[in-house]
Amino acid sequence: MTSPTISRLNPPELGSPPGYSQIVEITAGRIIFISGQTAVDAEGKVVGKHDFTAQAEQVFHNLSIACRRADARPPTL
């Protein structure tokens, strides 16, 4: 059995988080952890202030970016 490797990814489209990585991929099999996504754009600005639908759309947009960057399929509803 090989030792797992850890990759931390921060796509520029998701902004630069302070103190954590947006995506962590561990290769030992394949497990991808995606941090809690919020309704912020690449510049760190809140999208759709006081608009739940716009915020939810931004969160799922961010999740899709994270999944694509990690060569995974985005979640489907």
Protein backbone atom coordinates (compact mmCIF):
# COMPACT_ATOMS: atom_id res chain seq x y z
CA MET A 1 0.00 0.00 0.00
CA THR A 2 1.39 3.41 -0.92
CA SER A 3 1.33 6.40 1.38
CA PRO A 4 -1.44 8.90 0.67
CA THR A 5 -0.59 12.26 -0.83
CA ILE A 6 -2.41 15.47 -0.02
CA SER A 7 -3.04 18.26 -2.53
CA ARG A 8 -4.50 21.61 -1.52
CA LEU A 9 -6.15 23.62 -4.29
CA ASN A 10 -7.39 27.20 -4.33
CA PRO A 11 -8.79 28.10 -7.77
CA PRO A 12 -8.53 31.85 -8.39
CA GLU A 13 -12.22 31.89 -9.37
CA LEU A 14 -13.11 31.14 -5.73
CA GLY A 15 -10.92 33.84 -4.18
CA SER A 16 -8.18 33.44 -1.58
CA PRO A 17 -9.48 32.15 1.75
CA PRO A 18 -7.62 33.14 4.91
CA GLY A 19 -6.03 30.14 6.60
CA TYR A 20 -7.56 27.20 4.73
CA SER A 21 -7.79 25.61 1.29
CA GLN A 22 -10.93 25.56 -0.82
CA ILE A 23 -10.26 21.97 -1.94
CA VAL A 24 -8.22 19.15 -0.39
CA GLU A 25 -7.60 16.00 -2.40
CA ILE A 26 -6.13 12.91 -0.77
CA THR A 27 -4.91 10.17 -3.08
CA ALA A 28 -5.34 6.86 -1.32
CA GLY A 29 -8.22 5.75 -3.36
CA ARG A 30 -9.73 9.14 -4.08
CA ILE A 31 -11.37 11.38 -1.55
CA ILE A 32 -11.97 15.07 -2.19
CA PHE A 33 -12.93 17.46 0.58
CA ILE A 34 -14.42 20.82 -0.42
CA SER A 35 -14.62 23.51 2.22
CA GLY A 36 -17.86 25.26 3.08
CA GLN A 37 -18.72 27.45 0.13
CA THR A 38 -20.44 30.77 0.56
CA ALA A 39 -22.05 33.26 -1.81
CA VAL A 40 -18.84 35.14 -2.62
CA ASP A 41 -17.28 35.73 -6.02
CA ALA A 42 -13.61 35.54 -7.02
CA GLU A 43 -13.00 39.02 -5.56
CA GLY A 44 -14.50 38.02 -2.21
CA LYS A 45 -17.65 40.11 -2.71
CA VAL A 46 -21.01 38.78 -1.51
CA VAL A 47 -23.29 37.96 -4.41
CA GLY A 48 -27.02 38.65 -4.04
CA LYS A 49 -27.11 40.42 -0.71
CA HIS A 50 -30.61 39.81 0.76
CA ASP A 51 -31.43 37.48 -2.19
CA PHE A 52 -31.43 33.83 -1.11
CA THR A 53 -31.83 32.48 -4.67
CA ALA A 54 -28.87 34.47 -6.01
CA GLN A 55 -26.75 33.37 -3.06
CA ALA A 56 -27.66 29.70 -3.53
CA GLU A 57 -26.83 29.95 -7.24
CA GLN A 58 -23.41 31.42 -6.37
CA VAL A 59 -22.72 28.66 -3.84
CA PHE A 60 -23.50 25.96 -6.42
CA HIS A 61 -21.46 27.84 -9.02
CA ASN A 62 -18.52 27.80 -6.59
CA LEU A 63 -19.03 24.09 -5.88
CA SER A 64 -19.01 23.38 -9.62
CA ILE A 65 -15.71 25.25 -10.03
CA ALA A 66 -14.20 23.31 -7.13
CA CYS A 67 -15.37 19.96 -8.54
CA ARG A 68 -14.10 20.72 -12.05
CA ARG A 69 -10.72 21.85 -10.68
CA ALA A 70 -10.40 18.52 -8.86
CA ASP A 71 -11.51 16.55 -11.97
CA ALA A 72 -14.71 15.48 -10.24
CA ARG A 73 -18.31 15.78 -11.32
CA PRO A 74 -20.35 18.60 -9.75
CA PRO A 75 -23.22 17.54 -7.51
CA THR A 76 -26.62 17.14 -9.13
CA LEU A 77 -29.97 17.89 -7.58
